N, C-alpha and C. Protein backbone atom coordinates (compact mmCIF):
# COMPACT_ATOMS: atom_id res chain seq x y z
N MET A 1 -126.96 -166.64 -216.49
CA MET A 1 -126.02 -167.40 -217.29
C MET A 1 -124.65 -166.73 -217.22
N ALA A 2 -123.64 -167.54 -217.30
CA ALA A 2 -122.27 -167.03 -217.27
C ALA A 2 -121.53 -167.49 -218.51
N THR A 3 -120.66 -166.65 -219.00
CA THR A 3 -119.84 -166.99 -220.15
C THR A 3 -118.70 -167.91 -219.71
N PRO A 4 -118.08 -168.59 -220.66
CA PRO A 4 -116.90 -169.39 -220.30
C PRO A 4 -115.82 -168.54 -219.60
N GLN A 5 -115.65 -167.31 -220.04
CA GLN A 5 -114.65 -166.43 -219.43
C GLN A 5 -115.01 -166.11 -217.97
N GLU A 6 -116.29 -165.86 -217.71
CA GLU A 6 -116.74 -165.56 -216.34
C GLU A 6 -116.56 -166.78 -215.43
N ASN A 7 -116.91 -167.94 -215.94
CA ASN A 7 -116.71 -169.17 -215.16
C ASN A 7 -115.23 -169.39 -214.90
N LEU A 8 -114.41 -169.19 -215.93
CA LEU A 8 -112.98 -169.37 -215.79
C LEU A 8 -112.43 -168.46 -214.69
N LEU A 9 -112.80 -167.20 -214.71
CA LEU A 9 -112.32 -166.26 -213.70
C LEU A 9 -112.77 -166.68 -212.31
N ASP A 10 -114.02 -167.11 -212.18
CA ASP A 10 -114.52 -167.56 -210.87
C ASP A 10 -113.75 -168.79 -210.39
N TRP A 11 -113.48 -169.71 -211.30
CA TRP A 11 -112.75 -170.93 -210.91
C TRP A 11 -111.29 -170.64 -210.61
N LEU A 12 -110.73 -169.63 -211.28
CA LEU A 12 -109.37 -169.22 -210.95
C LEU A 12 -109.33 -168.62 -209.53
N ARG A 13 -110.37 -167.89 -209.16
CA ARG A 13 -110.45 -167.37 -207.79
C ARG A 13 -110.52 -168.53 -206.79
N ASP A 14 -111.28 -169.56 -207.15
CA ASP A 14 -111.35 -170.75 -206.28
C ASP A 14 -109.97 -171.39 -206.16
N ALA A 15 -109.25 -171.47 -207.28
CA ALA A 15 -107.90 -172.06 -207.27
C ALA A 15 -106.96 -171.21 -206.42
N HIS A 16 -107.11 -169.91 -206.49
CA HIS A 16 -106.28 -169.02 -205.67
C HIS A 16 -106.52 -169.31 -204.19
N ALA A 17 -107.78 -169.42 -203.80
CA ALA A 17 -108.10 -169.72 -202.40
C ALA A 17 -107.58 -171.11 -202.01
N MET A 18 -107.68 -172.06 -202.93
CA MET A 18 -107.18 -173.41 -202.68
C MET A 18 -105.68 -173.39 -202.45
N GLU A 19 -104.95 -172.62 -203.25
CA GLU A 19 -103.50 -172.54 -203.09
C GLU A 19 -103.12 -171.81 -201.79
N GLN A 20 -103.94 -170.85 -201.38
CA GLN A 20 -103.72 -170.20 -200.08
C GLN A 20 -103.88 -171.23 -198.96
N GLN A 21 -104.90 -172.05 -199.08
CA GLN A 21 -105.13 -173.12 -198.10
C GLN A 21 -103.97 -174.11 -198.12
N ALA A 22 -103.52 -174.48 -199.30
CA ALA A 22 -102.41 -175.43 -199.42
C ALA A 22 -101.16 -174.87 -198.74
N GLU A 23 -100.88 -173.59 -198.97
CA GLU A 23 -99.71 -172.97 -198.35
C GLU A 23 -99.77 -173.08 -196.83
N LYS A 24 -100.92 -172.73 -196.27
CA LYS A 24 -101.08 -172.79 -194.80
C LYS A 24 -100.92 -174.22 -194.30
N MET A 25 -101.54 -175.17 -194.98
CA MET A 25 -101.48 -176.57 -194.55
C MET A 25 -100.05 -177.09 -194.63
N LEU A 26 -99.37 -176.81 -195.72
CA LEU A 26 -98.00 -177.30 -195.90
C LEU A 26 -97.06 -176.69 -194.87
N LYS A 27 -97.19 -175.39 -194.63
CA LYS A 27 -96.35 -174.75 -193.62
C LYS A 27 -96.58 -175.36 -192.24
N ALA A 28 -97.84 -175.52 -191.87
CA ALA A 28 -98.16 -176.07 -190.55
C ALA A 28 -97.62 -177.49 -190.42
N GLN A 29 -97.79 -178.28 -191.45
CA GLN A 29 -97.32 -179.66 -191.42
C GLN A 29 -95.80 -179.70 -191.32
N SER A 30 -95.13 -178.90 -192.12
CA SER A 30 -93.67 -178.89 -192.12
C SER A 30 -93.12 -178.46 -190.76
N GLU A 31 -93.72 -177.45 -190.19
CA GLU A 31 -93.25 -176.94 -188.90
C GLU A 31 -93.37 -177.98 -187.78
N ARG A 32 -94.32 -178.88 -187.90
CA ARG A 32 -94.55 -179.86 -186.84
C ARG A 32 -93.79 -181.16 -187.04
N LEU A 33 -93.34 -181.44 -188.25
CA LEU A 33 -92.64 -182.69 -188.50
C LEU A 33 -91.25 -182.67 -187.89
N GLU A 34 -90.95 -183.66 -187.08
CA GLU A 34 -89.64 -183.75 -186.45
C GLU A 34 -88.91 -185.05 -186.78
N HIS A 35 -89.65 -186.12 -186.96
CA HIS A 35 -89.04 -187.45 -187.05
C HIS A 35 -89.19 -188.10 -188.43
N TYR A 36 -89.62 -187.32 -189.41
CA TYR A 36 -89.86 -187.85 -190.74
C TYR A 36 -89.19 -186.91 -191.77
N PRO A 37 -87.85 -186.93 -191.83
CA PRO A 37 -87.13 -185.95 -192.65
C PRO A 37 -87.44 -186.03 -194.15
N GLN A 38 -87.68 -187.22 -194.66
CA GLN A 38 -87.97 -187.35 -196.09
C GLN A 38 -89.31 -186.70 -196.42
N LEU A 39 -90.30 -186.93 -195.57
CA LEU A 39 -91.61 -186.31 -195.77
C LEU A 39 -91.51 -184.79 -195.63
N LYS A 40 -90.79 -184.33 -194.63
CA LYS A 40 -90.62 -182.89 -194.42
C LYS A 40 -89.96 -182.25 -195.64
N ALA A 41 -88.93 -182.88 -196.17
CA ALA A 41 -88.24 -182.33 -197.34
C ALA A 41 -89.18 -182.24 -198.55
N ARG A 42 -89.99 -183.26 -198.74
CA ARG A 42 -90.92 -183.24 -199.89
C ARG A 42 -92.00 -182.19 -199.69
N ILE A 43 -92.47 -182.04 -198.47
CA ILE A 43 -93.47 -181.01 -198.19
C ILE A 43 -92.87 -179.63 -198.41
N ASP A 44 -91.64 -179.42 -197.95
CA ASP A 44 -90.98 -178.13 -198.15
C ASP A 44 -90.79 -177.84 -199.63
N GLN A 45 -90.44 -178.85 -200.41
CA GLN A 45 -90.30 -178.67 -201.86
C GLN A 45 -91.64 -178.27 -202.47
N HIS A 46 -92.70 -178.97 -202.05
CA HIS A 46 -94.01 -178.67 -202.62
C HIS A 46 -94.52 -177.31 -202.15
N LEU A 47 -94.13 -176.90 -200.98
CA LEU A 47 -94.49 -175.56 -200.51
C LEU A 47 -93.93 -174.50 -201.46
N GLN A 48 -92.68 -174.68 -201.88
CA GLN A 48 -92.09 -173.74 -202.83
C GLN A 48 -92.82 -173.79 -204.18
N GLU A 49 -93.20 -175.00 -204.60
CA GLU A 49 -93.99 -175.12 -205.83
C GLU A 49 -95.32 -174.40 -205.68
N THR A 50 -95.94 -174.55 -204.51
CA THR A 50 -97.23 -173.93 -204.24
C THR A 50 -97.14 -172.41 -204.33
N LEU A 51 -96.07 -171.84 -203.81
CA LEU A 51 -95.89 -170.39 -203.89
C LEU A 51 -95.78 -169.94 -205.35
N GLY A 52 -95.09 -170.73 -206.16
CA GLY A 52 -95.01 -170.44 -207.59
C GLY A 52 -96.36 -170.59 -208.28
N GLN A 53 -97.13 -171.59 -207.85
CA GLN A 53 -98.46 -171.79 -208.42
C GLN A 53 -99.37 -170.61 -208.10
N GLN A 54 -99.27 -170.12 -206.87
CA GLN A 54 -100.07 -168.95 -206.49
C GLN A 54 -99.77 -167.78 -207.42
N LYS A 55 -98.50 -167.58 -207.71
CA LYS A 55 -98.09 -166.48 -208.58
C LYS A 55 -98.69 -166.65 -209.97
N LEU A 56 -98.62 -167.85 -210.51
CA LEU A 56 -99.19 -168.11 -211.84
C LEU A 56 -100.69 -167.86 -211.87
N VAL A 57 -101.39 -168.33 -210.84
CA VAL A 57 -102.84 -168.13 -210.77
C VAL A 57 -103.16 -166.65 -210.63
N ASP A 58 -102.41 -165.95 -209.77
CA ASP A 58 -102.59 -164.50 -209.62
C ASP A 58 -102.44 -163.78 -210.95
N GLU A 59 -101.42 -164.17 -211.71
CA GLU A 59 -101.17 -163.54 -213.02
C GLU A 59 -102.34 -163.78 -213.97
N CYS A 60 -102.90 -164.99 -213.94
CA CYS A 60 -104.05 -165.30 -214.81
C CYS A 60 -105.25 -164.44 -214.41
N ILE A 61 -105.51 -164.35 -213.13
CA ILE A 61 -106.64 -163.55 -212.65
C ILE A 61 -106.47 -162.10 -213.06
N ALA A 62 -105.28 -161.55 -212.83
CA ALA A 62 -105.03 -160.14 -213.16
C ALA A 62 -105.15 -159.90 -214.67
N ARG A 63 -104.62 -160.82 -215.46
CA ARG A 63 -104.68 -160.67 -216.91
C ARG A 63 -106.12 -160.65 -217.40
N LEU A 64 -107.00 -161.36 -216.70
CA LEU A 64 -108.42 -161.41 -217.08
C LEU A 64 -109.20 -160.24 -216.49
N GLY A 65 -108.48 -159.34 -215.79
CA GLY A 65 -109.13 -158.14 -215.25
C GLY A 65 -109.82 -158.36 -213.92
N GLY A 66 -109.49 -159.44 -213.25
CA GLY A 66 -110.13 -159.72 -211.97
C GLY A 66 -109.17 -159.57 -210.81
N SER A 67 -109.66 -159.89 -209.66
CA SER A 67 -108.83 -159.93 -208.46
C SER A 67 -109.26 -161.14 -207.65
N SER A 68 -108.39 -161.57 -206.76
CA SER A 68 -108.72 -162.74 -205.95
C SER A 68 -109.87 -162.38 -205.01
N SER A 69 -110.53 -163.38 -204.52
CA SER A 69 -111.65 -163.20 -203.61
C SER A 69 -111.15 -163.27 -202.18
N ALA A 70 -111.19 -162.15 -201.48
CA ALA A 70 -110.74 -162.12 -200.09
C ALA A 70 -111.55 -163.10 -199.25
N LEU A 71 -112.84 -163.19 -199.51
CA LEU A 71 -113.70 -164.09 -198.74
C LEU A 71 -113.29 -165.55 -198.95
N LYS A 72 -113.05 -165.92 -200.19
CA LYS A 72 -112.63 -167.29 -200.48
C LYS A 72 -111.25 -167.57 -199.88
N ASP A 73 -110.35 -166.59 -199.97
CA ASP A 73 -109.01 -166.76 -199.41
C ASP A 73 -109.07 -166.96 -197.89
N ILE A 74 -109.87 -166.16 -197.22
CA ILE A 74 -110.01 -166.27 -195.77
C ILE A 74 -110.61 -167.61 -195.40
N ALA A 75 -111.64 -168.03 -196.13
CA ALA A 75 -112.26 -169.32 -195.86
C ALA A 75 -111.25 -170.46 -196.01
N GLY A 76 -110.44 -170.39 -197.05
CA GLY A 76 -109.42 -171.42 -197.27
C GLY A 76 -108.41 -171.45 -196.15
N LYS A 77 -107.97 -170.27 -195.72
CA LYS A 77 -106.99 -170.20 -194.64
C LYS A 77 -107.58 -170.69 -193.32
N LEU A 78 -108.84 -170.38 -193.07
CA LEU A 78 -109.50 -170.87 -191.85
C LEU A 78 -109.62 -172.38 -191.87
N MET A 79 -109.95 -172.94 -193.02
CA MET A 79 -110.04 -174.40 -193.12
C MET A 79 -108.68 -175.03 -192.87
N ALA A 80 -107.64 -174.45 -193.41
CA ALA A 80 -106.29 -174.98 -193.20
C ALA A 80 -105.90 -174.88 -191.74
N PHE A 81 -106.23 -173.77 -191.10
CA PHE A 81 -105.93 -173.60 -189.67
C PHE A 81 -106.65 -174.66 -188.85
N GLY A 82 -107.92 -174.89 -189.16
CA GLY A 82 -108.68 -175.92 -188.45
C GLY A 82 -108.10 -177.30 -188.64
N GLN A 83 -107.64 -177.59 -189.84
CA GLN A 83 -107.02 -178.89 -190.11
C GLN A 83 -105.72 -179.02 -189.34
N ALA A 84 -104.94 -177.96 -189.27
CA ALA A 84 -103.66 -178.01 -188.55
C ALA A 84 -103.89 -178.22 -187.06
N ILE A 85 -104.85 -177.51 -186.49
CA ILE A 85 -105.14 -177.65 -185.07
C ILE A 85 -105.69 -179.05 -184.79
N GLY A 86 -106.63 -179.49 -185.60
CA GLY A 86 -107.20 -180.82 -185.41
C GLY A 86 -106.15 -181.91 -185.55
N GLY A 87 -105.28 -181.77 -186.52
CA GLY A 87 -104.25 -182.77 -186.74
C GLY A 87 -103.26 -182.84 -185.61
N SER A 88 -102.95 -181.70 -185.02
CA SER A 88 -101.94 -181.67 -183.96
C SER A 88 -102.43 -182.39 -182.70
N MET A 89 -103.72 -182.63 -182.61
CA MET A 89 -104.27 -183.29 -181.42
C MET A 89 -104.36 -184.81 -181.59
N MET A 90 -104.08 -185.30 -182.76
CA MET A 90 -104.18 -186.74 -183.02
C MET A 90 -102.86 -187.43 -182.73
N SER A 91 -102.95 -188.62 -182.17
CA SER A 91 -101.72 -189.37 -181.86
C SER A 91 -101.04 -189.88 -183.13
N ASP A 92 -101.77 -189.94 -184.22
CA ASP A 92 -101.23 -190.40 -185.51
C ASP A 92 -101.21 -189.25 -186.52
N GLU A 93 -100.85 -188.07 -186.04
CA GLU A 93 -100.86 -186.84 -186.84
C GLU A 93 -100.15 -186.99 -188.18
N VAL A 94 -98.98 -187.61 -188.19
CA VAL A 94 -98.21 -187.71 -189.43
C VAL A 94 -98.94 -188.56 -190.47
N ILE A 95 -99.58 -189.60 -190.06
CA ILE A 95 -100.32 -190.46 -191.00
C ILE A 95 -101.56 -189.75 -191.51
N LYS A 96 -102.32 -189.17 -190.59
CA LYS A 96 -103.54 -188.45 -191.01
C LYS A 96 -103.17 -187.26 -191.91
N GLY A 97 -102.07 -186.59 -191.59
CA GLY A 97 -101.63 -185.47 -192.42
C GLY A 97 -101.23 -185.91 -193.82
N ALA A 98 -100.54 -187.03 -193.91
CA ALA A 98 -100.13 -187.54 -195.22
C ALA A 98 -101.34 -187.98 -196.04
N MET A 99 -102.29 -188.62 -195.37
CA MET A 99 -103.52 -189.03 -196.07
C MET A 99 -104.31 -187.81 -196.54
N ALA A 100 -104.45 -186.81 -195.66
CA ALA A 100 -105.17 -185.59 -196.03
C ALA A 100 -104.45 -184.88 -197.17
N GLY A 101 -103.12 -184.89 -197.13
CA GLY A 101 -102.35 -184.28 -198.21
C GLY A 101 -102.61 -184.95 -199.54
N TYR A 102 -102.68 -186.27 -199.53
CA TYR A 102 -102.95 -187.02 -200.76
C TYR A 102 -104.33 -186.65 -201.32
N VAL A 103 -105.32 -186.60 -200.44
CA VAL A 103 -106.67 -186.23 -200.87
C VAL A 103 -106.68 -184.81 -201.44
N PHE A 104 -106.02 -183.89 -200.73
CA PHE A 104 -105.98 -182.49 -201.17
C PHE A 104 -105.29 -182.36 -202.53
N GLU A 105 -104.21 -183.10 -202.72
CA GLU A 105 -103.52 -183.06 -204.02
C GLU A 105 -104.45 -183.50 -205.14
N ASN A 106 -105.28 -184.48 -204.87
CA ASN A 106 -106.21 -184.95 -205.91
C ASN A 106 -107.30 -183.93 -206.19
N VAL A 107 -107.70 -183.15 -205.19
CA VAL A 107 -108.63 -182.04 -205.43
C VAL A 107 -107.95 -181.00 -206.33
N GLU A 108 -106.67 -180.73 -206.06
CA GLU A 108 -105.94 -179.79 -206.89
C GLU A 108 -105.80 -180.31 -208.33
N ILE A 109 -105.55 -181.58 -208.48
CA ILE A 109 -105.45 -182.19 -209.82
C ILE A 109 -106.77 -182.00 -210.57
N ALA A 110 -107.87 -182.26 -209.90
CA ALA A 110 -109.18 -182.08 -210.54
C ALA A 110 -109.41 -180.62 -210.89
N THR A 111 -109.03 -179.72 -209.99
CA THR A 111 -109.21 -178.28 -210.23
C THR A 111 -108.46 -177.83 -211.47
N TYR A 112 -107.19 -178.20 -211.57
CA TYR A 112 -106.41 -177.74 -212.72
C TYR A 112 -106.82 -178.43 -214.01
N THR A 113 -107.35 -179.63 -213.93
CA THR A 113 -107.89 -180.31 -215.11
C THR A 113 -109.10 -179.55 -215.63
N VAL A 114 -109.97 -179.13 -214.71
CA VAL A 114 -111.14 -178.33 -215.08
C VAL A 114 -110.71 -176.97 -215.64
N LEU A 115 -109.75 -176.34 -214.99
CA LEU A 115 -109.29 -175.03 -215.46
C LEU A 115 -108.70 -175.09 -216.86
N ILE A 116 -107.98 -176.15 -217.16
CA ILE A 116 -107.42 -176.30 -218.51
C ILE A 116 -108.54 -176.39 -219.53
N ALA A 117 -109.54 -177.20 -219.25
CA ALA A 117 -110.67 -177.34 -220.18
C ALA A 117 -111.44 -176.02 -220.31
N ALA A 118 -111.64 -175.33 -219.19
CA ALA A 118 -112.37 -174.06 -219.21
C ALA A 118 -111.58 -172.99 -219.96
N ALA A 119 -110.27 -172.96 -219.75
CA ALA A 119 -109.44 -171.97 -220.43
C ALA A 119 -109.43 -172.24 -221.94
N LYS A 120 -109.41 -173.50 -222.33
CA LYS A 120 -109.49 -173.83 -223.76
C LYS A 120 -110.81 -173.35 -224.34
N ALA A 121 -111.91 -173.60 -223.61
CA ALA A 121 -113.23 -173.17 -224.08
C ALA A 121 -113.33 -171.65 -224.17
N ALA A 122 -112.62 -170.96 -223.27
CA ALA A 122 -112.65 -169.50 -223.27
C ALA A 122 -111.63 -168.90 -224.24
N GLY A 123 -110.82 -169.73 -224.88
CA GLY A 123 -109.82 -169.25 -225.81
C GLY A 123 -108.66 -168.55 -225.13
N ASP A 124 -108.34 -168.98 -223.91
CA ASP A 124 -107.28 -168.34 -223.12
C ASP A 124 -106.06 -169.25 -223.06
N ALA A 125 -105.21 -169.12 -224.07
CA ALA A 125 -104.03 -169.98 -224.17
C ALA A 125 -103.04 -169.76 -223.04
N GLN A 126 -102.95 -168.55 -222.51
CA GLN A 126 -102.01 -168.28 -221.42
C GLN A 126 -102.42 -168.99 -220.13
N THR A 127 -103.71 -169.02 -219.86
CA THR A 127 -104.18 -169.74 -218.67
C THR A 127 -104.02 -171.25 -218.87
N VAL A 128 -104.26 -171.72 -220.08
CA VAL A 128 -104.01 -173.14 -220.38
C VAL A 128 -102.56 -173.47 -220.05
N ALA A 129 -101.65 -172.66 -220.55
CA ALA A 129 -100.22 -172.92 -220.34
C ALA A 129 -99.86 -172.87 -218.85
N ALA A 130 -100.40 -171.91 -218.11
CA ALA A 130 -100.11 -171.81 -216.68
C ALA A 130 -100.61 -173.05 -215.94
N CYS A 131 -101.83 -173.45 -216.23
CA CYS A 131 -102.41 -174.62 -215.55
C CYS A 131 -101.71 -175.91 -215.96
N GLU A 132 -101.28 -175.98 -217.22
CA GLU A 132 -100.52 -177.15 -217.66
C GLU A 132 -99.13 -177.20 -217.02
N GLN A 133 -98.63 -176.08 -216.57
CA GLN A 133 -97.37 -176.04 -215.82
C GLN A 133 -97.59 -176.51 -214.37
N ILE A 134 -98.72 -176.16 -213.80
CA ILE A 134 -99.04 -176.50 -212.41
C ILE A 134 -99.44 -177.96 -212.26
N LEU A 135 -100.27 -178.45 -213.16
CA LEU A 135 -100.85 -179.79 -213.03
C LEU A 135 -99.82 -180.90 -212.78
N PRO A 136 -98.71 -180.97 -213.51
CA PRO A 136 -97.75 -182.05 -213.25
C PRO A 136 -97.12 -181.96 -211.85
N GLN A 137 -97.01 -180.77 -211.30
CA GLN A 137 -96.48 -180.63 -209.94
C GLN A 137 -97.44 -181.25 -208.92
N GLU A 138 -98.73 -181.02 -209.14
CA GLU A 138 -99.74 -181.59 -208.24
C GLU A 138 -99.78 -183.11 -208.39
N GLU A 139 -99.70 -183.57 -209.63
CA GLU A 139 -99.70 -185.02 -209.87
C GLU A 139 -98.48 -185.67 -209.24
N ALA A 140 -97.33 -185.02 -209.35
CA ALA A 140 -96.10 -185.58 -208.78
C ALA A 140 -96.19 -185.67 -207.26
N MET A 141 -96.75 -184.65 -206.64
CA MET A 141 -96.88 -184.68 -205.18
C MET A 141 -97.85 -185.78 -204.75
N ALA A 142 -98.96 -185.89 -205.44
CA ALA A 142 -99.93 -186.95 -205.11
C ALA A 142 -99.30 -188.33 -205.28
N GLN A 143 -98.58 -188.52 -206.37
CA GLN A 143 -97.92 -189.81 -206.62
C GLN A 143 -96.86 -190.10 -205.55
N TRP A 144 -96.11 -189.06 -205.16
CA TRP A 144 -95.09 -189.24 -204.13
C TRP A 144 -95.73 -189.67 -202.81
N LEU A 145 -96.79 -188.98 -202.43
CA LEU A 145 -97.46 -189.33 -201.17
C LEU A 145 -98.00 -190.75 -201.22
N LEU A 146 -98.67 -191.10 -202.30
CA LEU A 146 -99.23 -192.45 -202.42
C LEU A 146 -98.12 -193.51 -202.36
N ALA A 147 -97.03 -193.26 -203.06
CA ALA A 147 -95.93 -194.23 -203.08
C ALA A 147 -95.26 -194.36 -201.72
N HIS A 148 -95.26 -193.30 -200.92
CA HIS A 148 -94.56 -193.31 -199.64
C HIS A 148 -95.46 -193.60 -198.44
N LEU A 149 -96.76 -193.69 -198.65
CA LEU A 149 -97.65 -194.00 -197.52
C LEU A 149 -97.32 -195.33 -196.84
N PRO A 150 -97.03 -196.40 -197.56
CA PRO A 150 -96.70 -197.65 -196.87
C PRO A 150 -95.45 -197.52 -196.00
N GLU A 151 -94.39 -196.93 -196.56
CA GLU A 151 -93.15 -196.76 -195.81
C GLU A 151 -93.37 -195.85 -194.60
N LEU A 152 -94.08 -194.77 -194.80
CA LEU A 152 -94.38 -193.84 -193.72
C LEU A 152 -95.17 -194.54 -192.61
N THR A 153 -96.10 -195.37 -193.00
CA THR A 153 -96.90 -196.13 -192.03
C THR A 153 -96.01 -197.09 -191.24
N GLU A 154 -95.12 -197.78 -191.94
CA GLU A 154 -94.21 -198.71 -191.25
C GLU A 154 -93.33 -197.99 -190.24
N VAL A 155 -92.79 -196.85 -190.62
CA VAL A 155 -91.94 -196.08 -189.71
C VAL A 155 -92.77 -195.60 -188.52
N PHE A 156 -93.97 -195.09 -188.80
CA PHE A 156 -94.84 -194.65 -187.72
C PHE A 156 -95.13 -195.79 -186.75
N LEU A 157 -95.50 -196.94 -187.28
CA LEU A 157 -95.84 -198.08 -186.42
C LEU A 157 -94.63 -198.52 -185.58
N ALA A 158 -93.46 -198.54 -186.18
CA ALA A 158 -92.25 -198.92 -185.44
C ALA A 158 -91.96 -197.92 -184.32
N ARG A 159 -92.13 -196.64 -184.61
CA ARG A 159 -91.92 -195.62 -183.58
C ARG A 159 -93.01 -195.70 -182.52
N SER A 160 -94.20 -196.01 -182.95
CA SER A 160 -95.35 -196.02 -182.04
C SER A 160 -95.24 -197.08 -180.95
N VAL A 161 -94.67 -198.25 -181.28
CA VAL A 161 -94.58 -199.33 -180.29
C VAL A 161 -93.41 -199.14 -179.33
N ASN A 162 -92.49 -198.24 -179.68
CA ASN A 162 -91.32 -197.99 -178.85
C ASN A 162 -91.65 -196.89 -177.84
N PRO A 163 -91.62 -197.20 -176.53
CA PRO A 163 -91.98 -196.17 -175.54
C PRO A 163 -90.98 -195.02 -175.46
N ASN A 164 -89.81 -195.18 -176.06
CA ASN A 164 -88.78 -194.15 -175.99
C ASN A 164 -88.75 -193.22 -177.21
N THR A 165 -89.68 -193.41 -178.15
CA THR A 165 -89.72 -192.56 -179.34
C THR A 165 -91.11 -191.94 -179.50
N GLU A 166 -91.12 -190.80 -180.13
CA GLU A 166 -92.40 -190.16 -180.47
C GLU A 166 -92.73 -190.50 -181.91
N ALA A 167 -93.92 -190.97 -182.14
CA ALA A 167 -94.33 -191.35 -183.50
C ALA A 167 -95.17 -190.27 -184.16
N LYS A 168 -95.87 -189.50 -183.37
CA LYS A 168 -96.88 -188.56 -183.82
C LYS A 168 -96.41 -187.61 -184.93
N LYS A 169 -95.24 -187.01 -184.74
CA LYS A 169 -94.79 -186.00 -185.67
C LYS A 169 -93.34 -186.19 -186.05
């Protein structure tokens, strides 16, 4: 059996690994985007948010007397690397990347929703506050991606039919 505090610390480690994965994915996506400046700008903005989120999660873990899980962090980074390599081989990389980003943002939303509830159960107001600061950033990114998927798709399709333009990235 685990206490609410033990579960909270374990889930914070998961969130740390998730944010490490997000950082890798966002960097890889941003570096490859050439023809979608609005998407690149939003990804770059969220990358900066992600770095701040990592710091907040790190502070929560340290305050609880724990440390991040190197194994979970490595696994997250490997998954992000695999996604970046796989995505770069697709002719519709920008669309698949935006869709994957939307899905990933919703995983982050679920994670921080759980962490808020767990931190409340553990009586950890500082972790509640940190996660409540992160959650709206994840929700905003997910909403932005969802709202821009139709426009992004239209631009991709227009570029795709033109033999003189690259649509992929």
